PDB file of N, CA and C in Angstrom:
ATOM      1  N   MET A   1    -112.714-150.918  78.994  1.00  0.00           N
ATOM      2  CA  MET A   1    -113.168-152.074  78.223  1.00  0.00           C
ATOM      3  C   MET A   1    -112.737-153.325  78.984  1.00  0.00           C
ATOM      4  N   ILE A   2    -113.634-154.280  79.019  1.00  0.00           N
ATOM      5  CA  ILE A   2    -113.392-155.574  79.662  1.00  0.00           C
ATOM      6  C   ILE A   2    -113.611-156.664  78.609  1.00  0.00           C
ATOM      7  N   THR A   3    -112.819-157.731  78.691  1.00  0.00           N
ATOM      8  CA  THR A   3    -113.055-158.895  77.843  1.00  0.00           C
ATOM      9  C   THR A   3    -113.643-159.999  78.706  1.00  0.00           C
ATOM     10  N   LEU A   4    -114.861-160.413  78.356  1.00  0.00           N
ATOM     11  CA  LEU A   4    -115.498-161.560  79.002  1.00  0.00           C
ATOM     12  C   LEU A   4    -115.277-162.778  78.112  1.00  0.00           C
ATOM     13  N   PHE A   5    -115.214-163.954  78.722  1.00  0.00           N
ATOM     14  CA  PHE A   5    -115.063-165.151  77.896  1.00  0.00           C
ATOM     15  C   PHE A   5    -115.875-166.309  78.440  1.00  0.00           C
ATOM     16  N   VAL A   6    -116.248-167.174  77.513  1.00  0.00           N
ATOM     17  CA  VAL A   6    -116.905-168.440  77.819  1.00  0.00           C
ATOM     18  C   VAL A   6    -116.181-169.472  76.967  1.00  0.00           C
ATOM     19  N   GLU A   7    -115.662-170.508  77.593  1.00  0.00           N
ATOM     20  CA  GLU A   7    -114.955-171.558  76.863  1.00  0.00           C
ATOM     21  C   GLU A   7    -115.672-172.885  77.043  1.00  0.00           C
ATOM     22  N   GLY A   8    -115.724-173.639  75.957  1.00  0.00           N
ATOM     23  CA  GLY A   8    -116.280-174.983  76.033  1.00  0.00           C
ATOM     24  C   GLY A   8    -117.790-175.057  76.146  1.00  0.00           C
ATOM     25  N   LEU A   9    -118.487-174.014  75.699  1.00  0.00           N
ATOM     26  CA  LEU A   9    -119.948-174.056  75.678  1.00  0.00           C
ATOM     27  C   LEU A   9    -120.375-175.077  74.625  1.00  0.00           C
ATOM     28  N   GLU A  10    -121.165-176.055  75.010  1.00  0.00           N
ATOM     29  CA  GLU A  10    -121.593-177.091  74.080  1.00  0.00           C
ATOM     30  C   GLU A  10    -123.103-177.092  73.923  1.00  0.00           C
ATOM     31  N   PHE A  11    -123.541-177.452  72.724  1.00  0.00           N
ATOM     32  CA  PHE A  11    -124.967-177.559  72.449  1.00  0.00           C
ATOM     33  C   PHE A  11    -125.183-178.539  71.313  1.00  0.00           C
ATOM     34  N   TYR A  12    -126.403-178.976  71.175  1.00  0.00           N
ATOM     35  CA  TYR A  12    -126.803-179.873  70.105  1.00  0.00           C
ATOM     36  C   TYR A  12    -127.735-179.100  69.191  1.00  0.00           C
ATOM     37  N   ALA A  13    -127.472-179.141  67.877  1.00  0.00           N
ATOM     38  CA  ALA A  13    -128.305-178.389  66.938  1.00  0.00           C
ATOM     39  C   ALA A  13    -128.291-179.090  65.579  1.00  0.00           C
ATOM     40  N   HIS A  14    -129.094-178.580  64.653  1.00  0.00           N
ATOM     41  CA  HIS A  14    -129.318-179.220  63.356  1.00  0.00           C
ATOM     42  C   HIS A  14    -128.820-178.335  62.221  1.00  0.00           C
ATOM     43  N   HIS A  15    -127.535-178.433  61.922  1.00  0.00           N
ATOM     44  CA  HIS A  15    -126.914-177.676  60.843  1.00  0.00           C
ATOM     45  C   HIS A  15    -126.067-178.634  60.016  1.00  0.00           C
ATOM     46  N   GLY A  16    -125.771-178.255  58.788  1.00  0.00           N
ATOM     47  CA  GLY A  16    -124.883-179.068  57.962  1.00  0.00           C
ATOM     48  C   GLY A  16    -125.337-179.103  56.522  1.00  0.00           C
ATOM     49  N   VAL A  17    -124.452-179.578  55.685  1.00  0.00           N
ATOM     50  CA  VAL A  17    -124.732-179.634  54.255  1.00  0.00           C
ATOM     51  C   VAL A  17    -125.667-180.792  53.914  1.00  0.00           C
ATOM     52  N   PRO A  18    -125.371-182.004  54.353  1.00  0.00           N
ATOM     53  CA  PRO A  18    -126.280-183.107  53.996  1.00  0.00           C
ATOM     54  C   PRO A  18    -127.625-183.012  54.729  1.00  0.00           C
ATOM     55  N   GLU A  19    -128.685-183.376  54.046  1.00  0.00           N
ATOM     56  CA  GLU A  19    -130.015-183.368  54.663  1.00  0.00           C
ATOM     57  C   GLU A  19    -130.048-184.266  55.907  1.00  0.00           C
ATOM     58  N   ALA A  20    -129.353-185.395  55.836  1.00  0.00           N
ATOM     59  CA  ALA A  20    -129.336-186.318  56.971  1.00  0.00           C
ATOM     60  C   ALA A  20    -128.737-185.648  58.207  1.00  0.00           C
ATOM     61  N   GLU A  21    -127.707-184.858  58.021  1.00  0.00           N
ATOM     62  CA  GLU A  21    -127.088-184.176  59.155  1.00  0.00           C
ATOM     63  C   GLU A  21    -128.040-183.130  59.751  1.00  0.00           C
ATOM     64  N   GLN A  22    -128.784-182.455  58.890  1.00  0.00           N
ATOM     65  CA  GLN A  22    -129.764-181.489  59.396  1.00  0.00           C
ATOM     66  C   GLN A  22    -130.898-182.197  60.130  1.00  0.00           C
ATOM     67  N   ALA A  23    -131.236-183.405  59.712  1.00  0.00           N
ATOM     68  CA  ALA A  23    -132.307-184.149  60.371  1.00  0.00           C
ATOM     69  C   ALA A  23    -131.844-184.731  61.711  1.00  0.00           C
ATOM     70  N   ILE A  24    -130.655-185.290  61.731  1.00  0.00           N
ATOM     71  CA  ILE A  24    -130.148-185.966  62.927  1.00  0.00           C
ATOM     72  C   ILE A  24    -129.577-184.972  63.937  1.00  0.00           C
ATOM     73  N   GLY A  25    -128.901-183.946  63.439  1.00  0.00           N
ATOM     74  CA  GLY A  25    -128.266-182.976  64.320  1.00  0.00           C
ATOM     75  C   GLY A  25    -126.839-183.359  64.657  1.00  0.00           C
ATOM     76  N   HIS A  26    -126.188-182.474  65.388  1.00  0.00           N
ATOM     77  CA  HIS A  26    -124.778-182.668  65.704  1.00  0.00           C
ATOM     78  C   HIS A  26    -124.437-181.887  66.970  1.00  0.00           C
ATOM     79  N   ARG A  27    -123.329-182.232  67.565  1.00  0.00           N
ATOM     80  CA  ARG A  27    -122.830-181.558  68.764  1.00  0.00           C
ATOM     81  C   ARG A  27    -121.820-180.486  68.351  1.00  0.00           C
ATOM     82  N   TYR A  28    -121.959-179.300  68.935  1.00  0.00           N
ATOM     83  CA  TYR A  28    -121.098-178.161  68.629  1.00  0.00           C
ATOM     84  C   TYR A  28    -120.471-177.624  69.912  1.00  0.00           C
ATOM     85  N   ALA A  29    -119.347-176.944  69.749  1.00  0.00           N
ATOM     86  CA  ALA A  29    -118.690-176.305  70.891  1.00  0.00           C
ATOM     87  C   ALA A  29    -118.268-174.895  70.493  1.00  0.00           C
ATOM     88  N   VAL A  30    -118.387-173.960  71.442  1.00  0.00           N
ATOM     89  CA  VAL A  30    -118.035-172.562  71.201  1.00  0.00           C
ATOM     90  C   VAL A  30    -117.065-172.097  72.280  1.00  0.00           C
ATOM     91  N   ASP A  31    -116.009-171.434  71.836  1.00  0.00           N
ATOM     92  CA  ASP A  31    -115.141-170.655  72.711  1.00  0.00           C
ATOM     93  C   ASP A  31    -115.344-169.207  72.293  1.00  0.00           C
ATOM     94  N   LEU A  32    -115.601-168.348  73.255  1.00  0.00           N
ATOM     95  CA  LEU A  32    -116.046-166.994  72.951  1.00  0.00           C
ATOM     96  C   LEU A  32    -115.306-165.975  73.802  1.00  0.00           C
ATOM     97  N   GLU A  33    -114.885-164.883  73.167  1.00  0.00           N
ATOM     98  CA  GLU A  33    -114.391-163.706  73.873  1.00  0.00           C
ATOM     99  C   GLU A  33    -115.196-162.521  73.370  1.00  0.00           C
ATOM    100  N   ILE A  34    -115.668-161.699  74.303  1.00  0.00           N
ATOM    101  CA  ILE A  34    -116.405-160.504  73.908  1.00  0.00           C
ATOM    102  C   ILE A  34    -115.833-159.299  74.653  1.00  0.00           C
ATOM    103  N   ASP A  35    -115.564-158.250  73.896  1.00  0.00           N
ATOM    104  CA  ASP A  35    -115.142-156.989  74.492  1.00  0.00           C
ATOM    105  C   ASP A  35    -116.384-156.184  74.807  1.00  0.00           C
ATOM    106  N   VAL A  36    -116.438-155.662  76.030  1.00  0.00           N
ATOM    107  CA  VAL A  36    -117.647-155.043  76.552  1.00  0.00           C
ATOM    108  C   VAL A  36    -117.348-153.659  77.117  1.00  0.00           C
ATOM    109  N   ARG A  37    -118.209-152.691  76.741  1.00  0.00           N
ATOM    110  CA  ARG A  37    -118.217-151.396  77.430  1.00  0.00           C
ATOM    111  C   ARG A  37    -118.940-151.617  78.742  1.00  0.00           C
ATOM    112  N   GLU A  38    -118.309-151.282  79.828  1.00  0.00           N
ATOM    113  CA  GLU A  38    -118.964-151.579  81.091  1.00  0.00           C
ATOM    114  C   GLU A  38    -118.530-150.622  82.187  1.00  0.00           C
ATOM    115  N   LYS A  39    -119.285-150.650  83.259  1.00  0.00           N
ATOM    116  CA  LYS A  39    -118.986-149.872  84.455  1.00  0.00           C
ATOM    117  C   LYS A  39    -118.922-150.771  85.683  1.00  0.00           C
ATOM    118  N   ALA A  40    -119.053-152.063  85.489  1.00  0.00           N
ATOM    119  CA  ALA A  40    -119.172-152.984  86.619  1.00  0.00           C
ATOM    120  C   ALA A  40    -117.923-153.011  87.494  1.00  0.00           C
ATOM    121  N   THR A  41    -116.778-152.618  86.945  1.00  0.00           N
ATOM    122  CA  THR A  41    -115.574-152.573  87.789  1.00  0.00           C
ATOM    123  C   THR A  41    -115.716-151.530  88.891  1.00  0.00           C
ATOM    124  N   GLN A  42    -116.562-150.524  88.663  1.00  0.00           N
ATOM    125  CA  GLN A  42    -116.813-149.523  89.696  1.00  0.00           C
ATOM    126  C   GLN A  42    -118.113-149.796  90.461  1.00  0.00           C
ATOM    127  N   THR A  43    -119.150-150.239  89.763  1.00  0.00           N
ATOM    128  CA  THR A  43    -120.467-150.364  90.402  1.00  0.00           C
ATOM    129  C   THR A  43    -120.725-151.735  91.007  1.00  0.00           C
ATOM    130  N   ASP A  44    -120.041-152.757  90.506  1.00  0.00           N
ATOM    131  CA  ASP A  44    -120.245-154.136  90.949  1.00  0.00           C
ATOM    132  C   ASP A  44    -121.676-154.601  90.690  1.00  0.00           C
ATOM    133  N   ARG A  45    -122.295-154.081  89.601  1.00  0.00           N
ATOM    134  CA  ARG A  45    -123.665-154.453  89.228  1.00  0.00           C
ATOM    135  C   ARG A  45    -123.643-155.198  87.901  1.00  0.00           C
ATOM    136  N   VAL A  46    -124.307-156.332  87.856  1.00  0.00           N
ATOM    137  CA  VAL A  46    -124.352-157.113  86.627  1.00  0.00           C
ATOM    138  C   VAL A  46    -125.045-156.331  85.509  1.00  0.00           C
ATOM    139  N   GLU A  47    -125.928-155.411  85.876  1.00  0.00           N
ATOM    140  CA  GLU A  47    -126.613-154.580  84.876  1.00  0.00           C
ATOM    141  C   GLU A  47    -125.644-153.664  84.132  1.00  0.00           C
ATOM    142  N   ASP A  48    -124.459-153.458  84.688  1.00  0.00           N
ATOM    143  CA  ASP A  48    -123.474-152.563  84.072  1.00  0.00           C
ATOM    144  C   ASP A  48    -122.408-153.316  83.278  1.00  0.00           C
ATOM    145  N   THR A  49    -122.682-154.563  82.972  1.00  0.00           N
ATOM    146  CA  THR A  49    -121.798-155.361  82.133  1.00  0.00           C
ATOM    147  C   THR A  49    -122.676-156.274  81.285  1.00  0.00           C
ATOM    148  N   VAL A  50    -122.130-157.348  80.777  1.00  0.00           N
ATOM    149  CA  VAL A  50    -122.894-158.332  80.022  1.00  0.00           C
ATOM    150  C   VAL A  50    -122.818-159.646  80.795  1.00  0.00           C
ATOM    151  N   ASP A  51    -123.954-160.194  81.126  1.00  0.00           N
ATOM    152  CA  ASP A  51    -124.048-161.437  81.897  1.00  0.00           C
ATOM    153  C   ASP A  51    -123.670-162.613  80.995  1.00  0.00           C
ATOM    154  N   TYR A  52    -122.578-163.287  81.319  1.00  0.00           N
ATOM    155  CA  TYR A  52    -122.111-164.372  80.454  1.00  0.00           C
ATOM    156  C   TYR A  52    -123.093-165.540  80.384  1.00  0.00           C
ATOM    157  N   ALA A  53    -123.899-165.742  81.423  1.00  0.00           N
ATOM    158  CA  ALA A  53    -124.921-166.793  81.363  1.00  0.00           C
ATOM    159  C   ALA A  53    -125.994-166.432  80.338  1.00  0.00           C
ATOM    160  N   ALA A  54    -126.377-165.155  80.296  1.00  0.00           N
ATOM    161  CA  ALA A  54    -127.353-164.700  79.304  1.00  0.00           C
ATOM    162  C   ALA A  54    -126.777-164.804  77.896  1.00  0.00           C
ATOM    163  N   VAL A  55    -125.481-164.534  77.745  1.00  0.00           N
ATOM    164  CA  VAL A  55    -124.813-164.685  76.446  1.00  0.00           C
ATOM    165  C   VAL A  55    -124.900-166.137  75.993  1.00  0.00           C
ATOM    166  N   ALA A  56    -124.579-167.065  76.885  1.00  0.00           N
ATOM    167  CA  ALA A  56    -124.626-168.487  76.542  1.00  0.00           C
ATOM    168  C   ALA A  56    -126.043-168.912  76.153  1.00  0.00           C
ATOM    169  N   GLU A  57    -127.035-168.449  76.894  1.00  0.00           N
ATOM    170  CA  GLU A  57    -128.422-168.786  76.570  1.00  0.00           C
ATOM    171  C   GLU A  57    -128.828-168.232  75.205  1.00  0.00           C
ATOM    172  N   ALA A  58    -128.387-167.022  74.883  1.00  0.00           N
ATOM    173  CA  ALA A  58    -128.709-166.425  73.584  1.00  0.00           C
ATOM    174  C   ALA A  58    -128.073-167.223  72.445  1.00  0.00           C
ATOM    175  N   LEU A  59    -126.832-167.659  72.631  1.00  0.00           N
ATOM    176  CA  LEU A  59    -126.148-168.438  71.594  1.00  0.00           C
ATOM    177  C   LEU A  59    -126.852-169.777  71.358  1.00  0.00           C
ATOM    178  N   VAL A  60    -127.115-170.492  72.433  1.00  0.00           N
ATOM    179  CA  VAL A  60    -127.756-171.799  72.299  1.00  0.00           C
ATOM    180  C   VAL A  60    -129.156-171.649  71.712  1.00  0.00           C
ATOM    181  N   GLY A  61    -129.893-170.653  72.163  1.00  0.00           N
ATOM    182  CA  GLY A  61    -131.235-170.425  71.625  1.00  0.00           C
ATOM    183  C   GLY A  61    -131.210-170.177  70.131  1.00  0.00           C
ATOM    184  N   HIS A  62    -130.296-169.314  69.679  1.00  0.00           N
ATOM    185  CA  HIS A  62    -130.200-169.022  68.242  1.00  0.00           C
ATOM    186  C   HIS A  62    -129.826-170.284  67.462  1.00  0.00           C
ATOM    187  N   ALA A  63    -128.842-171.010  67.961  1.00  0.00           N
ATOM    188  CA  ALA A  63    -128.370-172.204  67.246  1.00  0.00           C
ATOM    189  C   ALA A  63    -129.456-173.262  67.129  1.00  0.00           C
ATOM    190  N   GLN A  64    -130.320-173.347  68.119  1.00  0.00           N
ATOM    191  CA  GLN A  64    -131.362-174.367  68.086  1.00  0.00           C
ATOM    192  C   GLN A  64    -132.626-173.911  67.352  1.00  0.00           C
ATOM    193  N   GLU A  65    -132.796-172.603  67.162  1.00  0.00           N
ATOM    194  CA  GLU A  65    -133.983-172.083  66.473  1.00  0.00           C
ATOM    195  C   GLU A  65    -133.776-171.905  64.972  1.00  0.00           C
ATOM    196  N   HIS A  66    -132.528-171.877  64.523  1.00  0.00           N
ATOM    197  CA  HIS A  66    -132.223-171.653  63.109  1.00  0.00           C
ATOM    198  C   HIS A  66    -131.506-172.862  62.532  1.00  0.00           C
ATOM    199  N   ARG A  67    -131.477-172.933  61.201  1.00  0.00           N
ATOM    200  CA  ARG A  67    -130.742-173.995  60.512  1.00  0.00           C
ATOM    201  C   ARG A  67    -129.896-173.371  59.407  1.00  0.00           C
ATOM    202  N   TYR A  68    -128.634-173.767  59.394  1.00  0.00           N
ATOM    203  CA  TYR A  68    -127.685-173.288  58.386  1.00  0.00           C
ATOM    204  C   TYR A  68    -126.942-174.481  57.794  1.00  0.00           C
ATOM    205  N   ARG A  69    -126.422-174.278  56.616  1.00  0.00           N
ATOM    206  CA  ARG A  69    -125.621-175.323  55.974  1.00  0.00           C
ATOM    207  C   ARG A  69    -124.152-175.235  56.410  1.00  0.00           C
ATOM    208  N   THR A  70    -123.619-174.017  56.503  1.00  0.00           N
ATOM    209  CA  THR A  70    -122.191-173.875  56.792  1.00  0.00           C
ATOM    210  C   THR A  70    -121.942-173.370  58.211  1.00  0.00           C
ATOM    211  N   LEU A  71    -120.798-173.757  58.741  1.00  0.00           N
ATOM    212  CA  LEU A  71    -120.375-173.245  60.045  1.00  0.00           C
ATOM    213  C   LEU A  71    -120.144-171.741  59.985  1.00  0.00           C
ATOM    214  N   GLU A  72    -119.682-171.262  58.839  1.00  0.00           N
ATOM    215  CA  GLU A  72    -119.443-169.829  58.682  1.00  0.00           C
ATOM    216  C   GLU A  72    -120.727-169.031  58.886  1.00  0.00           C
ATOM    217  N   ARG A  73    -121.812-169.486  58.284  1.00  0.00           N
ATOM    218  CA  ARG A  73    -123.093-168.771  58.419  1.00  0.00           C
ATOM    219  C   ARG A  73    -123.653-168.903  59.830  1.00  0.00           C
ATOM    220  N   LEU A  74    -123.496-170.074  60.427  1.00  0.00           N
ATOM    221  CA  LEU A  74    -123.930-170.250  61.810  1.00  0.00           C
ATOM    222  C   LEU A  74    -123.160-169.298  62.723  1.00  0.00           C
ATOM    223  N   ALA A  75    -121.850-169.220  62.565  1.00  0.00           N
ATOM    224  CA  ALA A  75    -121.038-168.322  63.398  1.00  0.00           C
ATOM    225  C   ALA A  75    -121.460-166.869  63.208  1.00  0.00           C
ATOM    226  N   ALA A  76    -121.705-166.464  61.965  1.00  0.00           N
ATOM    227  CA  ALA A  76    -122.150-165.095  61.699  1.00  0.00           C
ATOM    228  C   ALA A  76    -123.505-164.827  62.354  1.00  0.00           C
ATOM    229  N   GLY A  77    -124.420-165.784  62.277  1.00  0.00           N
ATOM    230  CA  GLY A  77    -125.729-165.637  62.911  1.00  0.00           C
ATOM    231  C   GLY A  77    -125.619-165.520  64.424  1.00  0.00           C
ATOM    232  N   LEU A  78    -124.721-166.280  65.013  1.00  0.00           N
ATOM    233  CA  LEU A  78    -124.503-166.196  66.457  1.00  0.00           C
ATOM    234  C   LEU A  78    -123.974-164.821  66.849  1.00  0.00           C
ATOM    235  N   CYS A  79    -123.016-164.304  66.075  1.00  0.00           N
ATOM    236  CA  CYS A  79    -122.486-162.963  66.343  1.00  0.00           C
ATOM    237  C   CYS A  79    -123.579-161.908  66.204  1.00  0.00           C
ATOM    238  N   ASP A  80    -124.370-161.999  65.151  1.00  0.00           N
ATOM    239  CA  ASP A  80    -125.465-161.038  64.948  1.00  0.00           C
ATOM    240  C   ASP A  80    -126.414-161.035  66.144  1.00  0.00           C
ATOM    241  N   THR A  81    -126.736-162.214  66.646  1.00  0.00           N
ATOM    242  CA  THR A  81    -127.619-162.315  67.806  1.00  0.00           C
ATOM    243  C   THR A  81    -127.027-161.615  69.018  1.00  0.00           C
ATOM    244  N   LEU A  82    -125.727-161.793  69.234  1.00  0.00           N
ATOM    245  CA  LEU A  82    -125.091-161.138  70.390  1.00  0.00           C
ATOM    246  C   LEU A  82    -125.158-159.623  70.266  1.00  0.00           C
ATOM    247  N   PHE A  83    -124.866-159.089  69.092  1.00  0.00           N
ATOM    248  CA  PHE A  83    -124.915-157.630  68.902  1.00  0.00           C
ATOM    249  C   PHE A  83    -126.344-157.100  69.043  1.00  0.00           C
ATOM    250  N   GLU A  84    -127.319-157.853  68.562  1.00  0.00           N
ATOM    251  CA  GLU A  84    -128.715-157.418  68.663  1.00  0.00           C
ATOM    252  C   GLU A  84    -129.231-157.475  70.102  1.00  0.00           C
ATOM    253  N   THR A  85    -128.729-158.417  70.871  1.00  0.00           N
ATOM    254  CA  THR A  85    -129.239-158.650  72.219  1.00  0.00           C
ATOM    255  C   THR A  85    -128.532-157.821  73.287  1.00  0.00           C
ATOM    256  N   PHE A  86    -127.245-157.574  73.099  1.00  0.00           N
ATOM    257  CA  PHE A  86    -126.438-156.924  74.143  1.00  0.00           C
ATOM    258  C   PHE A  86    -125.760-155.671  73.581  1.00  0.00           C
ATOM    259  N   GLU A  87    -126.307-154.535  73.912  1.00  0.00           N
ATOM    260  CA  GLU A  87    -125.815-153.266  73.381  1.00  0.00           C
ATOM    261  C   GLU A  87    -124.393-152.946  73.822  1.00  0.00           C
ATOM    262  N   ALA A  88    -123.966-153.453  74.959  1.00  0.00           N
ATOM    263  CA  ALA A  88    -122.642-153.136  75.494  1.00  0.00           C
ATOM    264  C   ALA A  88    -121.509-153.886  74.787  1.00  0.00           C
ATOM    265  N   ILE A  89    -121.842-154.887  73.967  1.00  0.00           N
ATOM    266  CA  ILE A  89    -120.791-155.644  73.281  1.00  0.00           C
ATOM    267  C   ILE A  89    -120.205-154.796  72.157  1.00  0.00           C
ATOM    268  N   VAL A  90    -118.865-154.721  72.146  1.00  0.00           N
ATOM    269  CA  VAL A  90    -118.135-153.958  71.135  1.00  0.00           C
ATOM    270  C   VAL A  90    -117.541-154.881  70.076  1.00  0.00           C
ATOM    271  N   GLU A  91    -117.002-156.023  70.510  1.00  0.00           N
ATOM    272  CA  GLU A  91    -116.381-156.960  69.572  1.00  0.00           C
ATOM    273  C   GLU A  91    -116.591-158.388  70.053  1.00  0.00           C
ATOM    274  N   VAL A  92    -116.737-159.303  69.094  1.00  0.00           N
ATOM    275  CA  VAL A  92    -116.910-160.725  69.374  1.00  0.00           C
ATOM    276  C   VAL A  92    -115.808-161.493  68.646  1.00  0.00           C
ATOM    277  N   ARG A  93    -115.148-162.381  69.374  1.00  0.00           N
ATOM    278  CA  ARG A  93    -114.194-163.324  68.796  1.00  0.00           C
ATOM    279  C   ARG A  93    -114.680-164.719  69.176  1.00  0.00           C
ATOM    280  N   MET A  94    -114.944-165.537  68.172  1.00  0.00           N
ATOM    281  CA  MET A  94    -115.575-166.830  68.431  1.00  0.00           C
ATOM    282  C   MET A  94    -114.890-167.930  67.632  1.00  0.00           C
ATOM    283  N   ARG A  95    -114.698-169.055  68.291  1.00  0.00           N
ATOM    284  CA  ARG A  95    -114.299-170.301  67.623  1.00  0.00           C
ATOM    285  C   ARG A  95    -115.482-171.250  67.750  1.00  0.00           C
ATOM    286  N   LEU A  96    -115.993-171.697  66.634  1.00  0.00           N
ATOM    287  CA  LEU A  96    -117.132-172.602  66.587  1.00  0.00           C
ATOM    288  C   LEU A  96    -116.662-173.912  65.996  1.00  0.00           C
ATOM    289  N   ALA A  97    -116.863-175.002  66.721  1.00  0.00           N
ATOM    290  CA  ALA A  97    -116.362-176.300  66.276  1.00  0.00           C
ATOM    291  C   ALA A  97    -117.473-177.334  66.253  1.00  0.00           C
ATOM    292  N   LYS A  98    -117.372-178.210  65.268  1.00  0.00           N
ATOM    293  CA  LYS A  98    -118.258-179.371  65.170  1.00  0.00           C
ATOM    294  C   LYS A  98    -117.414-180.581  65.576  1.00  0.00           C
ATOM    295  N   ARG A  99    -117.880-181.290  66.563  1.00  0.00           N
ATOM    296  CA  ARG A  99    -117.153-182.467  67.043  1.00  0.00           C
ATOM    297  C   ARG A  99    -117.354-183.650  66.089  1.00  0.00           C
ATOM    298  N   LEU A 100    -116.279-184.378  65.826  1.00  0.00           N
ATOM    299  CA  LEU A 100    -116.307-185.560  64.959  1.00  0.00           C
ATOM    300  C   LEU A 100    -117.110-185.289  63.684  1.00  0.00           C
ATOM    301  N   PRO A 101    -116.616-184.359  62.853  1.00  0.00           N
ATOM    302  CA  PRO A 101    -117.384-183.960  61.670  1.00  0.00           C
ATOM    303  C   PRO A 101    -117.599-185.127  60.704  1.00  0.00           C
ATOM    304  N   PRO A 102    -118.795-185.214  60.146  1.00  0.00           N
ATOM    305  CA  PRO A 102    -119.079-186.280  59.183  1.00  0.00           C
ATOM    306  C   PRO A 102    -118.484-185.925  57.823  1.00  0.00           C
ATOM    307  N   ALA A 103    -117.256-186.323  57.627  1.00  0.00           N
ATOM    308  CA  ALA A 103    -116.530-186.002  56.395  1.00  0.00           C
ATOM    309  C   ALA A 103    -115.570-187.160  56.105  1.00  0.00           C
ATOM    310  N   PRO A 104    -115.010-187.189  54.909  1.00  0.00           N
ATOM    311  CA  PRO A 104    -114.090-188.278  54.582  1.00  0.00           C
ATOM    312  C   PRO A 104    -112.703-188.064  55.203  1.00  0.00           C
ATOM    313  N   ILE A 105    -112.687-187.541  56.419  1.00  0.00           N
ATOM    314  CA  ILE A 105    -111.453-187.360  57.179  1.00  0.00           C
ATOM    315  C   ILE A 105    -111.722-187.856  58.598  1.00  0.00           C
ATOM    316  N   ILE A 106    -110.669-188.085  59.321  1.00  0.00           N
ATOM    317  CA  ILE A 106    -110.820-188.407  60.739  1.00  0.00           C
ATOM    318  C   ILE A 106    -110.254-187.229  61.511  1.00  0.00           C
ATOM    319  N   ALA A 107    -111.151-186.498  62.180  1.00  0.00           N
ATOM    320  CA  ALA A 107    -110.745-185.327  62.958  1.00  0.00           C
ATOM    321  C   ALA A 107    -111.640-185.225  64.180  1.00  0.00           C
ATOM    322  N   GLU A 108    -111.051-184.850  65.302  1.00  0.00           N
ATOM    323  CA  GLU A 108    -111.853-184.679  66.505  1.00  0.00           C
ATOM    324  C   GLU A 108    -112.790-183.483  66.375  1.00  0.00           C
ATOM    325  N   VAL A 109    -112.295-182.379  65.790  1.00  0.00           N
ATOM    326  CA  VAL A 109    -113.125-181.199  65.566  1.00  0.00           C
ATOM    327  C   VAL A 109    -112.746-180.542  64.247  1.00  0.00           C
ATOM    328  N   ALA A 110    -113.715-179.861  63.674  1.00  0.00           N
ATOM    329  CA  ALA A 110    -113.487-178.974  62.543  1.00  0.00           C
ATOM    330  C   ALA A 110    -114.309-177.723  62.826  1.00  0.00           C
ATOM    331  N   GLY A 111    -113.812-176.585  62.428  1.00  0.00           N
ATOM    332  CA  GLY A 111    -114.574-175.391  62.769  1.00  0.00           C
ATOM    333  C   GLY A 111    -114.097-174.141  62.092  1.00  0.00           C
ATOM    334  N   VAL A 112    -114.604-173.036  62.597  1.00  0.00           N
ATOM    335  CA  VAL A 112    -114.279-171.718  62.071  1.00  0.00           C
ATOM    336  C   VAL A 112    -113.992-170.774  63.232  1.00  0.00           C
ATOM    337  N   GLU A 113    -113.270-169.740  62.898  1.00  0.00           N
ATOM    338  CA  GLU A 113    -113.036-168.647  63.842  1.00  0.00           C
ATOM    339  C   GLU A 113    -113.525-167.371  63.178  1.00  0.00           C
ATOM    340  N   ILE A 114    -114.259-166.571  63.925  1.00  0.00           N
ATOM    341  CA  ILE A 114    -114.820-165.344  63.371  1.00  0.00           C
ATOM    342  C   ILE A 114    -114.576-164.194  64.346  1.00  0.00           C
ATOM    343  N   VAL A 115    -114.298-163.032  63.777  1.00  0.00           N
ATOM    344  CA  VAL A 115    -114.136-161.812  64.566  1.00  0.00           C
ATOM    345  C   VAL A 115    -115.066-160.780  63.962  1.00  0.00           C
ATOM    346  N   ARG A 116    -115.935-160.208  64.791  1.00  0.00           N
ATOM    347  CA  ARG A 116    -116.869-159.187  64.325  1.00  0.00           C
ATOM    348  C   ARG A 116    -116.864-158.019  65.309  1.00  0.00           C
ATOM    349  N   SER A 117    -116.925-156.814  64.768  1.00  0.00           N
ATOM    350  CA  SER A 117    -117.023-155.606  65.589  1.00  0.00           C
ATOM    351  C   SER A 117    -118.327-154.901  65.329  1.00  0.00           C
ATOM    352  N   ARG A 118    -118.812-154.205  66.342  1.00  0.00           N
ATOM    353  CA  ARG A 118    -120.046-153.457  66.184  1.00  0.00           C
ATOM    354  C   ARG A 118    -119.815-152.292  65.216  1.00  0.00           C
ATOM    355  N   GLY A 119    -120.812-152.079  64.348  1.00  0.00           N
ATOM    356  CA  GLY A 119    -120.788-150.929  63.455  1.00  0.00           C
ATOM    357  C   GLY A 119    -119.924-151.153  62.275  1.00  0.00           C
TER     358      GLY A 119
END
């Protein structure tokens, strides 16, 4: 088993509770660790692991094609997409953050952490 990671992946998408936030959109950041069944340590072939660039593209694509009210649901949808797209993924650990959240607080980020396993 290998753990792949992507840190600081950023994208712009339209999620949130207020209608205005869904219309205007917001900037998000993801830190991701995925446990992968792989053979690439022996074969040195990207086909025998999970391509982290493809993972990033799948996450951004899902986030920009769907709309959710809560970060929790967005994070769950992102995990579901990874499991559906990459059969070799065994577990996903993700921190999803919204930068400068529009709330009656002053915070640089607010977010969720989710852990999901296949099956």
